[in-house]
Amino acid sequence: MVFALSLCTNSILSFSMYILSKVFNIIHKRRDNMDENKKSEELI
C-alpha cells in the first residue's frame, strides 16, 4: 500500500516536472522570438 502510494507520487512528480519543463521551453522560445523581432524592427 505504502509502496504503491510512493510510486504514484513519484510518477505524478516526474510528470509535472516534465510538463513544467515543456512549458518553460515554449515560453523561453517565444521570448527569444520577441527579442529577435525587436532587433529586426530597430534595424528597419
C-alpha atoms as a PDB file:
ATOM      1  CA  MET A   1       0.000   0.000   0.000  1.00  0.00           C
ATOM      2  CA  VAL A   2       2.712   2.479   1.012  1.00  0.00           C
ATOM      3  CA  PHE A   3       4.862   1.346  -1.908  1.00  0.00           C
ATOM      4  CA  ALA A   4       2.018   1.939  -4.380  1.00  0.00           C
ATOM      5  CA  LEU A   5       1.395   5.377  -2.890  1.00  0.00           C
ATOM      6  CA  SER A   6       5.046   6.418  -3.161  1.00  0.00           C
ATOM      7  CA  LEU A   7       5.203   5.068  -6.717  1.00  0.00           C
ATOM      8  CA  CYS A   8       2.116   7.093  -7.635  1.00  0.00           C
ATOM      9  CA  THR A   9       3.552  10.235  -6.034  1.00  0.00           C
ATOM     10  CA  ASN A  10       6.845   9.732  -7.873  1.00  0.00           C
ATOM     11  CA  SER A  11       5.152   9.368 -11.248  1.00  0.00           C
ATOM     12  CA  ILE A  12       2.995  12.443 -10.647  1.00  0.00           C
ATOM     13  CA  LEU A  13       6.052  14.478  -9.623  1.00  0.00           C
ATOM     14  CA  SER A  14       8.091  13.432 -12.652  1.00  0.00           C
ATOM     15  CA  PHE A  15       5.110  14.041 -14.941  1.00  0.00           C
ATOM     16  CA  SER A  16       4.534  17.550 -13.574  1.00  0.00           C
ATOM     17  CA  MET A  17       8.254  18.337 -13.864  1.00  0.00           C
ATOM     18  CA  TYR A  18       8.139  17.154 -17.490  1.00  0.00           C
ATOM     19  CA  ILE A  19       5.167  19.426 -18.241  1.00  0.00           C
ATOM     20  CA  LEU A  20       6.805  22.356 -16.434  1.00  0.00           C
ATOM     21  CA  SER A  21       9.991  21.988 -18.477  1.00  0.00           C
ATOM     22  CA  LYS A  22       7.954  21.799 -21.701  1.00  0.00           C
ATOM     23  CA  VAL A  23       6.022  24.964 -20.821  1.00  0.00           C
ATOM     24  CA  PHE A  24       9.212  26.741 -19.750  1.00  0.00           C
ATOM     25  CA  ASN A  25      10.886  25.848 -23.063  1.00  0.00           C
ATOM     26  CA  ILE A  26       7.915  27.186 -25.044  1.00  0.00           C
ATOM     27  CA  ILE A  27       7.895  30.453 -23.070  1.00  0.00           C
ATOM     28  CA  HIS A  28      11.666  30.787 -23.476  1.00  0.00           C
ATOM     29  CA  LYS A  29      11.433  30.273 -27.249  1.00  0.00           C
ATOM     30  CA  ARG A  30       8.655  32.855 -27.526  1.00  0.00           C
ATOM     31  CA  ARG A  31      10.733  35.358 -25.558  1.00  0.00           C
ATOM     32  CA  ASP A  32      13.682  34.759 -27.899  1.00  0.00           C
ATOM     33  CA  ASN A  33      11.429  35.301 -30.909  1.00  0.00           C
ATOM     34  CA  MET A  34      10.140  38.559 -29.427  1.00  0.00           C
ATOM     35  CA  ASP A  35      13.705  39.749 -28.872  1.00  0.00           C
ATOM     36  CA  GLU A  36      14.575  38.910 -32.476  1.00  0.00           C
ATOM     37  CA  ASN A  37      11.503  40.795 -33.687  1.00  0.00           C
ATOM     38  CA  LYS A  38      12.516  43.862 -31.681  1.00  0.00           C
ATOM     39  CA  LYS A  39      16.023  43.736 -33.151  1.00  0.00           C
ATOM     40  CA  SER A  40      14.698  43.479 -36.700  1.00  0.00           C
ATOM     41  CA  GLU A  41      12.320  46.393 -36.054  1.00  0.00           C
ATOM     42  CA  GLU A  42      15.214  48.500 -34.791  1.00  0.00           C
ATOM     43  CA  LEU A  43      17.183  47.686 -37.949  1.00  0.00           C
ATOM     44  CA  ILE A  44      14.282  48.888 -40.086  1.00  0.00           C
END
